[in-house]
Amino acid sequence: MLWISIVALASLGACLGIVFYFDPFEASPFIIVLFHLTLLFGLTGILTLLGYFLRRIKKVKKMPAQDAFNSFWQGSVLALALVGLLAAVS
């Protein structure tokens, strides 16, 4: 789970860098796509970690790898839905 937290923090840092250094009204389409991708990766990591730790607290009699896979799947679907809604609105 350490690599997921490292990637999530790096992605969210890149997303914040894009927010602070680029004007969204003058940014190229590449910057807009890059913003959405970094936000997607960051949200996927954060939601995966949140889901994994909630599953571990609940202590379901499953293997930790199975909990990690299920949490990654649910986190990525939820993050894709959130970023898709953001892209549809903007």
PDB file of N, CA and C in Angstrom:
ATOM      1  N   MET A   1       0.809  -1.189   0.000  1.00  0.00           N
ATOM      2  CA  MET A   1       0.000   0.000   0.000  1.00  0.00           C
ATOM      3  C   MET A   1       0.859   1.263   0.000  1.00  0.00           C
ATOM      4  N   LEU A   2       2.139   1.102   0.271  1.00  0.00           N
ATOM      5  CA  LEU A   2       3.033   2.257   0.287  1.00  0.00           C
ATOM      6  C   LEU A   2       3.154   2.877  -1.098  1.00  0.00           C
ATOM      7  N   TRP A   3       3.236   2.053  -2.128  1.00  0.00           N
ATOM      8  CA  TRP A   3       3.391   2.599  -3.479  1.00  0.00           C
ATOM      9  C   TRP A   3       2.146   3.332  -3.928  1.00  0.00           C
ATOM     10  N   ILE A   4       0.985   2.902  -3.465  1.00  0.00           N
ATOM     11  CA  ILE A   4      -0.248   3.606  -3.821  1.00  0.00           C
ATOM     12  C   ILE A   4      -0.261   4.994  -3.182  1.00  0.00           C
ATOM     13  N   SER A   5       0.170   5.081  -1.934  1.00  0.00           N
ATOM     14  CA  SER A   5       0.178   6.391  -1.278  1.00  0.00           C
ATOM     15  C   SER A   5       1.217   7.318  -1.898  1.00  0.00           C
ATOM     16  N   ILE A   6       2.345   6.785  -2.330  1.00  0.00           N
ATOM     17  CA  ILE A   6       3.362   7.612  -2.981  1.00  0.00           C
ATOM     18  C   ILE A   6       2.850   8.152  -4.312  1.00  0.00           C
ATOM     19  N   VAL A   7       2.241   7.288  -5.108  1.00  0.00           N
ATOM     20  CA  VAL A   7       1.699   7.720  -6.404  1.00  0.00           C
ATOM     21  C   VAL A   7       0.556   8.711  -6.204  1.00  0.00           C
ATOM     22  N   ALA A   8      -0.298   8.473  -5.218  1.00  0.00           N
ATOM     23  CA  ALA A   8      -1.421   9.379  -4.967  1.00  0.00           C
ATOM     24  C   ALA A   8      -0.924  10.760  -4.550  1.00  0.00           C
ATOM     25  N   LEU A   9       0.044  10.805  -3.664  1.00  0.00           N
ATOM     26  CA  LEU A   9       0.571  12.097  -3.223  1.00  0.00           C
ATOM     27  C   LEU A   9       1.300  12.821  -4.351  1.00  0.00           C
ATOM     28  N   ALA A  10       2.047  12.095  -5.163  1.00  0.00           N
ATOM     29  CA  ALA A  10       2.731  12.716  -6.299  1.00  0.00           C
ATOM     30  C   ALA A  10       1.719  13.241  -7.313  1.00  0.00           C
ATOM     31  N   SER A  11       0.667  12.486  -7.565  1.00  0.00           N
ATOM     32  CA  SER A  11      -0.359  12.922  -8.516  1.00  0.00           C
ATOM     33  C   SER A  11      -1.114  14.140  -8.004  1.00  0.00           C
ATOM     34  N   LEU A  12      -1.461  14.133  -6.738  1.00  0.00           N
ATOM     35  CA  LEU A  12      -2.155  15.295  -6.185  1.00  0.00           C
ATOM     36  C   LEU A  12      -1.247  16.511  -6.138  1.00  0.00           C
ATOM     37  N   GLY A  13       0.044  16.302  -5.905  1.00  0.00           N
ATOM     38  CA  GLY A  13       1.001  17.408  -5.964  1.00  0.00           C
ATOM     39  C   GLY A  13       1.107  17.986  -7.364  1.00  0.00           C
ATOM     40  N   ALA A  14       1.127  17.118  -8.366  1.00  0.00           N
ATOM     41  CA  ALA A  14       1.154  17.583  -9.754  1.00  0.00           C
ATOM     42  C   ALA A  14      -0.138  18.308 -10.106  1.00  0.00           C
ATOM     43  N   CYS A  15      -1.247  17.815  -9.606  1.00  0.00           N
ATOM     44  CA  CYS A  15      -2.544  18.460  -9.855  1.00  0.00           C
ATOM     45  C   CYS A  15      -2.569  19.856  -9.234  1.00  0.00           C
ATOM     46  N   LEU A  16      -2.083  19.984  -8.015  1.00  0.00           N
ATOM     47  CA  LEU A  16      -2.020  21.294  -7.378  1.00  0.00           C
ATOM     48  C   LEU A  16      -1.063  22.223  -8.113  1.00  0.00           C
ATOM     49  N   GLY A  17       0.045  21.672  -8.622  1.00  0.00           N
ATOM     50  CA  GLY A  17       0.973  22.476  -9.411  1.00  0.00           C
ATOM     51  C   GLY A  17       0.317  23.012 -10.665  1.00  0.00           C
ATOM     52  N   ILE A  18      -0.487  22.202 -11.315  1.00  0.00           N
ATOM     53  CA  ILE A  18      -1.204  22.653 -12.513  1.00  0.00           C
ATOM     54  C   ILE A  18      -2.208  23.731 -12.145  1.00  0.00           C
ATOM     55  N   VAL A  19      -2.893  23.553 -11.031  1.00  0.00           N
ATOM     56  CA  VAL A  19      -3.899  24.536 -10.612  1.00  0.00           C
ATOM     57  C   VAL A  19      -3.248  25.885 -10.327  1.00  0.00           C
ATOM     58  N   PHE A  20      -2.098  25.890  -9.659  1.00  0.00           N
ATOM     59  CA  PHE A  20      -1.483  27.146  -9.253  1.00  0.00           C
ATOM     60  C   PHE A  20      -0.658  27.817 -10.349  1.00  0.00           C
ATOM     61  N   TYR A  21      -0.157  27.057 -11.327  1.00  0.00           N
ATOM     62  CA  TYR A  21       0.738  27.649 -12.318  1.00  0.00           C
ATOM     63  C   TYR A  21       0.102  27.920 -13.677  1.00  0.00           C
ATOM     64  N   PHE A  22      -1.080  27.426 -13.930  1.00  0.00           N
ATOM     65  CA  PHE A  22      -1.710  27.623 -15.232  1.00  0.00           C
ATOM     66  C   PHE A  22      -3.079  28.255 -15.070  1.00  0.00           C
ATOM     67  N   ASP A  23      -3.382  29.173 -15.956  1.00  0.00           N
ATOM     68  CA  ASP A  23      -4.694  29.795 -15.996  1.00  0.00           C
ATOM     69  C   ASP A  23      -5.621  28.885 -16.803  1.00  0.00           C
ATOM     70  N   PRO A  24      -6.729  28.437 -16.229  1.00  0.00           N
ATOM     71  CA  PRO A  24      -7.585  27.491 -16.957  1.00  0.00           C
ATOM     72  C   PRO A  24      -8.230  28.093 -18.212  1.00  0.00           C
ATOM     73  N   PHE A  25      -8.363  29.401 -18.269  1.00  0.00           N
ATOM     74  CA  PHE A  25      -8.975  30.033 -19.437  1.00  0.00           C
ATOM     75  C   PHE A  25      -7.990  30.194 -20.591  1.00  0.00           C
ATOM     76  N   GLU A  26      -6.687  30.151 -20.301  1.00  0.00           N
ATOM     77  CA  GLU A  26      -5.678  30.303 -21.342  1.00  0.00           C
ATOM     78  C   GLU A  26      -4.861  29.031 -21.550  1.00  0.00           C
ATOM     79  N   ALA A  27      -5.171  27.981 -20.828  1.00  0.00           N
ATOM     80  CA  ALA A  27      -4.398  26.739 -20.913  1.00  0.00           C
ATOM     81  C   ALA A  27      -4.730  25.985 -22.196  1.00  0.00           C
ATOM     82  N   SER A  28      -3.725  25.261 -22.669  1.00  0.00           N
ATOM     83  CA  SER A  28      -3.929  24.442 -23.862  1.00  0.00           C
ATOM     84  C   SER A  28      -4.737  23.192 -23.495  1.00  0.00           C
ATOM     85  N   PRO A  29      -5.298  22.526 -24.482  1.00  0.00           N
ATOM     86  CA  PRO A  29      -6.036  21.281 -24.190  1.00  0.00           C
ATOM     87  C   PRO A  29      -5.159  20.221 -23.525  1.00  0.00           C
ATOM     88  N   PHE A  30      -3.864  20.223 -23.823  1.00  0.00           N
ATOM     89  CA  PHE A  30      -2.949  19.272 -23.182  1.00  0.00           C
ATOM     90  C   PHE A  30      -2.904  19.483 -21.670  1.00  0.00           C
ATOM     91  N   ILE A  31      -2.876  20.730 -21.234  1.00  0.00           N
ATOM     92  CA  ILE A  31      -2.840  21.030 -19.799  1.00  0.00           C
ATOM     93  C   ILE A  31      -4.151  20.615 -19.138  1.00  0.00           C
ATOM     94  N   ILE A  32      -5.266  20.822 -19.805  1.00  0.00           N
ATOM     95  CA  ILE A  32      -6.569  20.424 -19.254  1.00  0.00           C
ATOM     96  C   ILE A  32      -6.638  18.901 -19.107  1.00  0.00           C
ATOM     97  N   VAL A  33      -6.176  18.182 -20.116  1.00  0.00           N
ATOM     98  CA  VAL A  33      -6.169  16.713 -20.045  1.00  0.00           C
ATOM     99  C   VAL A  33      -5.209  16.246 -18.955  1.00  0.00           C
ATOM    100  N   LEU A  34      -4.058  16.899 -18.851  1.00  0.00           N
ATOM    101  CA  LEU A  34      -3.092  16.541 -17.817  1.00  0.00           C
ATOM    102  C   LEU A  34      -3.657  16.780 -16.419  1.00  0.00           C
ATOM    103  N   PHE A  35      -4.397  17.863 -16.252  1.00  0.00           N
ATOM    104  CA  PHE A  35      -5.055  18.129 -14.972  1.00  0.00           C
ATOM    105  C   PHE A  35      -6.039  17.023 -14.614  1.00  0.00           C
ATOM    106  N   HIS A  36      -6.860  16.623 -15.580  1.00  0.00           N
ATOM    107  CA  HIS A  36      -7.846  15.579 -15.309  1.00  0.00           C
ATOM    108  C   HIS A  36      -7.175  14.228 -15.028  1.00  0.00           C
ATOM    109  N   LEU A  37      -6.098  13.931 -15.732  1.00  0.00           N
ATOM    110  CA  LEU A  37      -5.404  12.657 -15.478  1.00  0.00           C
ATOM    111  C   LEU A  37      -4.747  12.626 -14.102  1.00  0.00           C
ATOM    112  N   THR A  38      -4.086  13.711 -13.716  1.00  0.00           N
ATOM    113  CA  THR A  38      -3.457  13.724 -12.393  1.00  0.00           C
ATOM    114  C   THR A  38      -4.510  13.681 -11.294  1.00  0.00           C
ATOM    115  N   LEU A  39      -5.628  14.354 -11.514  1.00  0.00           N
ATOM    116  CA  LEU A  39      -6.717  14.288 -10.539  1.00  0.00           C
ATOM    117  C   LEU A  39      -7.287  12.874 -10.454  1.00  0.00           C
ATOM    118  N   LEU A  40      -7.417  12.212 -11.594  1.00  0.00           N
ATOM    119  CA  LEU A  40      -7.911  10.833 -11.612  1.00  0.00           C
ATOM    120  C   LEU A  40      -6.979   9.899 -10.844  1.00  0.00           C
ATOM    121  N   PHE A  41      -5.674  10.004 -11.090  1.00  0.00           N
ATOM    122  CA  PHE A  41      -4.723   9.135 -10.388  1.00  0.00           C
ATOM    123  C   PHE A  41      -4.690   9.436  -8.896  1.00  0.00           C
ATOM    124  N   GLY A  42      -4.741  10.704  -8.537  1.00  0.00           N
ATOM    125  CA  GLY A  42      -4.727  11.070  -7.122  1.00  0.00           C
ATOM    126  C   GLY A  42      -5.968  10.591  -6.390  1.00  0.00           C
ATOM    127  N   LEU A  43      -7.133  10.809  -6.996  1.00  0.00           N
ATOM    128  CA  LEU A  43      -8.372  10.344  -6.370  1.00  0.00           C
ATOM    129  C   LEU A  43      -8.442   8.823  -6.288  1.00  0.00           C
ATOM    130  N   THR A  44      -7.944   8.155  -7.320  1.00  0.00           N
ATOM    131  CA  THR A  44      -7.930   6.689  -7.287  1.00  0.00           C
ATOM    132  C   THR A  44      -7.092   6.190  -6.112  1.00  0.00           C
ATOM    133  N   GLY A  45      -5.932   6.779  -5.918  1.00  0.00           N
ATOM    134  CA  GLY A  45      -5.078   6.360  -4.809  1.00  0.00           C
ATOM    135  C   GLY A  45      -5.685   6.647  -3.456  1.00  0.00           C
ATOM    136  N   ILE A  46      -6.224   7.849  -3.282  1.00  0.00           N
ATOM    137  CA  ILE A  46      -6.809   8.218  -1.996  1.00  0.00           C
ATOM    138  C   ILE A  46      -8.026   7.357  -1.682  1.00  0.00           C
ATOM    139  N   LEU A  47      -8.900   7.172  -2.664  1.00  0.00           N
ATOM    140  CA  LEU A  47     -10.099   6.362  -2.430  1.00  0.00           C
ATOM    141  C   LEU A  47      -9.756   4.885  -2.229  1.00  0.00           C
ATOM    142  N   THR A  48      -8.712   4.402  -2.898  1.00  0.00           N
ATOM    143  CA  THR A  48      -8.272   3.022  -2.683  1.00  0.00           C
ATOM    144  C   THR A  48      -7.761   2.834  -1.268  1.00  0.00           C
ATOM    145  N   LEU A  49      -6.932   3.748  -0.794  1.00  0.00           N
ATOM    146  CA  LEU A  49      -6.412   3.646   0.570  1.00  0.00           C
ATOM    147  C   LEU A  49      -7.521   3.759   1.602  1.00  0.00           C
ATOM    148  N   LEU A  50      -8.448   4.665   1.367  1.00  0.00           N
ATOM    149  CA  LEU A  50      -9.571   4.823   2.290  1.00  0.00           C
ATOM    150  C   LEU A  50     -10.412   3.548   2.350  1.00  0.00           C
ATOM    151  N   GLY A  51     -10.713   2.982   1.190  1.00  0.00           N
ATOM    152  CA  GLY A  51     -11.491   1.749   1.154  1.00  0.00           C
ATOM    153  C   GLY A  51     -10.762   0.578   1.785  1.00  0.00           C
ATOM    154  N   TYR A  52      -9.448   0.493   1.548  1.00  0.00           N
ATOM    155  CA  TYR A  52      -8.671  -0.609   2.120  1.00  0.00           C
ATOM    156  C   TYR A  52      -8.653  -0.535   3.647  1.00  0.00           C
ATOM    157  N   PHE A  53      -8.407   0.660   4.177  1.00  0.00           N
ATOM    158  CA  PHE A  53      -8.338   0.766   5.624  1.00  0.00           C
ATOM    159  C   PHE A  53      -9.704   0.581   6.273  1.00  0.00           C
ATOM    160  N   LEU A  54     -10.766   0.988   5.597  1.00  0.00           N
ATOM    161  CA  LEU A  54     -12.101   0.719   6.134  1.00  0.00           C
ATOM    162  C   LEU A  54     -12.408  -0.774   6.129  1.00  0.00           C
ATOM    163  N   ARG A  55     -11.941  -1.477   5.099  1.00  0.00           N
ATOM    164  CA  ARG A  55     -12.133  -2.931   5.070  1.00  0.00           C
ATOM    165  C   ARG A  55     -11.315  -3.624   6.156  1.00  0.00           C
ATOM    166  N   ARG A  56     -10.123  -3.131   6.409  1.00  0.00           N
ATOM    167  CA  ARG A  56      -9.285  -3.736   7.440  1.00  0.00           C
ATOM    168  C   ARG A  56      -9.855  -3.468   8.832  1.00  0.00           C
ATOM    169  N   ILE A  57     -10.453  -2.303   9.038  1.00  0.00           N
ATOM    170  CA  ILE A  57     -11.074  -2.006  10.329  1.00  0.00           C
ATOM    171  C   ILE A  57     -12.291  -2.895  10.539  1.00  0.00           C
ATOM    172  N   LYS A  58     -13.047  -3.109   9.458  1.00  0.00           N
ATOM    173  CA  LYS A  58     -14.240  -3.957   9.534  1.00  0.00           C
ATOM    174  C   LYS A  58     -13.869  -5.416   9.797  1.00  0.00           C
ATOM    175  N   LYS A  59     -12.646  -5.808   9.439  1.00  0.00           N
ATOM    176  CA  LYS A  59     -12.083  -7.136   9.688  1.00  0.00           C
ATOM    177  C   LYS A  59     -12.927  -8.261   9.100  1.00  0.00           C
ATOM    178  N   VAL A  60     -13.179  -8.145   7.820  1.00  0.00           N
ATOM    179  CA  VAL A  60     -13.833  -9.230   7.103  1.00  0.00           C
ATOM    180  C   VAL A  60     -12.810 -10.346   6.939  1.00  0.00           C
ATOM    181  N   LYS A  61     -13.241 -11.581   7.027  1.00  0.00           N
ATOM    182  CA  LYS A  61     -12.329 -12.725   6.965  1.00  0.00           C
ATOM    183  C   LYS A  61     -11.880 -12.988   5.524  1.00  0.00           C
ATOM    184  N   LYS A  62     -11.147 -12.057   4.965  1.00  0.00           N
ATOM    185  CA  LYS A  62     -10.607 -12.205   3.632  1.00  0.00           C
ATOM    186  C   LYS A  62      -9.108 -11.969   3.683  1.00  0.00           C
ATOM    187  N   MET A  63      -8.468 -12.315   2.613  1.00  0.00           N
ATOM    188  CA  MET A  63      -7.037 -12.067   2.494  1.00  0.00           C
ATOM    189  C   MET A  63      -6.814 -10.569   2.264  1.00  0.00           C
ATOM    190  N   PRO A  64      -5.733  -9.994   2.796  1.00  0.00           N
ATOM    191  CA  PRO A  64      -5.465  -8.566   2.573  1.00  0.00           C
ATOM    192  C   PRO A  64      -5.289  -8.216   1.093  1.00  0.00           C
ATOM    193  N   ALA A  65      -4.739  -9.135   0.301  1.00  0.00           N
ATOM    194  CA  ALA A  65      -4.576  -8.865  -1.130  1.00  0.00           C
ATOM    195  C   ALA A  65      -5.931  -8.763  -1.815  1.00  0.00           C
ATOM    196  N   GLN A  66      -6.881  -9.576  -1.389  1.00  0.00           N
ATOM    197  CA  GLN A  66      -8.220  -9.508  -1.967  1.00  0.00           C
ATOM    198  C   GLN A  66      -8.901  -8.200  -1.571  1.00  0.00           C
ATOM    199  N   ASP A  67      -8.696  -7.759  -0.333  1.00  0.00           N
ATOM    200  CA  ASP A  67      -9.233  -6.470   0.097  1.00  0.00           C
ATOM    201  C   ASP A  67      -8.611  -5.336  -0.709  1.00  0.00           C
ATOM    202  N   ALA A  68      -7.317  -5.428  -0.966  1.00  0.00           N
ATOM    203  CA  ALA A  68      -6.636  -4.388  -1.736  1.00  0.00           C
ATOM    204  C   ALA A  68      -7.158  -4.351  -3.174  1.00  0.00           C
ATOM    205  N   PHE A  69      -7.365  -5.498  -3.774  1.00  0.00           N
ATOM    206  CA  PHE A  69      -7.874  -5.536  -5.144  1.00  0.00           C
ATOM    207  C   PHE A  69      -9.286  -4.969  -5.218  1.00  0.00           C
ATOM    208  N   ASN A  70     -10.146  -5.364  -4.282  1.00  0.00           N
ATOM    209  CA  ASN A  70     -11.518  -4.850  -4.272  1.00  0.00           C
ATOM    210  C   ASN A  70     -11.547  -3.342  -4.020  1.00  0.00           C
ATOM    211  N   SER A  71     -10.689  -2.876  -3.121  1.00  0.00           N
ATOM    212  CA  SER A  71     -10.635  -1.445  -2.835  1.00  0.00           C
ATOM    213  C   SER A  71     -10.122  -0.669  -4.034  1.00  0.00           C
ATOM    214  N   PHE A  72      -9.131  -1.217  -4.743  1.00  0.00           N
ATOM    215  CA  PHE A  72      -8.617  -0.547  -5.935  1.00  0.00           C
ATOM    216  C   PHE A  72      -9.693  -0.466  -7.009  1.00  0.00           C
ATOM    217  N   TRP A  73     -10.425  -1.530  -7.175  1.00  0.00           N
ATOM    218  CA  TRP A  73     -11.482  -1.549  -8.185  1.00  0.00           C
ATOM    219  C   TRP A  73     -12.553  -0.503  -7.860  1.00  0.00           C
ATOM    220  N   GLN A  74     -13.023  -0.490  -6.627  1.00  0.00           N
ATOM    221  CA  GLN A  74     -14.058   0.461  -6.243  1.00  0.00           C
ATOM    222  C   GLN A  74     -13.542   1.896  -6.247  1.00  0.00           C
ATOM    223  N   GLY A  75     -12.303   2.107  -5.812  1.00  0.00           N
ATOM    224  CA  GLY A  75     -11.728   3.443  -5.817  1.00  0.00           C
ATOM    225  C   GLY A  75     -11.542   3.985  -7.212  1.00  0.00           C
ATOM    226  N   SER A  76     -11.119   3.121  -8.142  1.00  0.00           N
ATOM    227  CA  SER A  76     -10.907   3.592  -9.506  1.00  0.00           C
ATOM    228  C   SER A  76     -12.234   3.896 -10.202  1.00  0.00           C
ATOM    229  N   VAL A  77     -13.264   3.111  -9.956  1.00  0.00           N
ATOM    230  CA  VAL A  77     -14.576   3.379 -10.569  1.00  0.00           C
ATOM    231  C   VAL A  77     -15.164   4.672 -10.012  1.00  0.00           C
ATOM    232  N   LEU A  78     -15.058   4.877  -8.708  1.00  0.00           N
ATOM    233  CA  LEU A  78     -15.585   6.100  -8.110  1.00  0.00           C
ATOM    234  C   LEU A  78     -14.805   7.321  -8.577  1.00  0.00           C
ATOM    235  N   ALA A  79     -13.481   7.217  -8.664  1.00  0.00           N
ATOM    236  CA  ALA A  79     -12.666   8.337  -9.142  1.00  0.00           C
ATOM    237  C   ALA A  79     -12.966   8.643 -10.602  1.00  0.00           C
ATOM    238  N   LEU A  80     -13.154   7.618 -11.409  1.00  0.00           N
ATOM    239  CA  LEU A  80     -13.491   7.832 -12.817  1.00  0.00           C
ATOM    240  C   LEU A  80     -14.849   8.526 -12.945  1.00  0.00           C
ATOM    241  N   ALA A  81     -15.787   8.158 -12.099  1.00  0.00           N
ATOM    242  CA  ALA A  81     -17.095   8.809 -12.123  1.00  0.00           C
ATOM    243  C   ALA A  81     -16.984  10.281 -11.713  1.00  0.00           C
ATOM    244  N   LEU A  82     -16.209  10.568 -10.681  1.00  0.00           N
ATOM    245  CA  LEU A  82     -16.064  11.941 -10.212  1.00  0.00           C
ATOM    246  C   LEU A  82     -15.355  12.817 -11.249  1.00  0.00           C
ATOM    247  N   VAL A  83     -14.275  12.310 -11.811  1.00  0.00           N
ATOM    248  CA  VAL A  83     -13.544  13.095 -12.817  1.00  0.00           C
ATOM    249  C   VAL A  83     -14.374  13.211 -14.101  1.00  0.00           C
ATOM    250  N   GLY A  84     -15.131  12.178 -14.435  1.00  0.00           N
ATOM    251  CA  GLY A  84     -16.012  12.266 -15.593  1.00  0.00           C
ATOM    252  C   GLY A  84     -17.084  13.323 -15.415  1.00  0.00           C
ATOM    253  N   LEU A  85     -17.644  13.416 -14.204  1.00  0.00           N
ATOM    254  CA  LEU A  85     -18.618  14.470 -13.933  1.00  0.00           C
ATOM    255  C   LEU A  85     -17.988  15.853 -14.013  1.00  0.00           C
ATOM    256  N   LEU A  86     -16.758  15.976 -13.497  1.00  0.00           N
ATOM    257  CA  LEU A  86     -16.051  17.254 -13.566  1.00  0.00           C
ATOM    258  C   LEU A  86     -15.769  17.632 -15.022  1.00  0.00           C
ATOM    259  N   ALA A  87     -15.365  16.671 -15.821  1.00  0.00           N
ATOM    260  CA  ALA A  87     -15.087  16.951 -17.231  1.00  0.00           C
ATOM    261  C   ALA A  87     -16.358  17.294 -17.985  1.00  0.00           C
ATOM    262  N   ALA A  88     -17.468  16.685 -17.627  1.00  0.00           N
ATOM    263  CA  ALA A  88     -18.719  16.964 -18.304  1.00  0.00           C
ATOM    264  C   ALA A  88     -19.236  18.362 -17.968  1.00  0.00           C
ATOM    265  N   VAL A  89     -18.999  18.804 -16.744  1.00  0.00           N
ATOM    266  CA  VAL A  89     -19.467  20.108 -16.323  1.00  0.00           C
ATOM    267  C   VAL A  89     -18.606  21.209 -16.932  1.00  0.00           C
ATOM    268  N   SER A  90     -17.303  20.976 -17.024  1.00  0.00           N
ATOM    269  CA  SER A  90     -16.403  22.030 -17.517  1.00  0.00           C
ATOM    270  C   SER A  90     -16.280  22.083 -19.000  1.00  0.00           C
TER     271      SER A  90
END
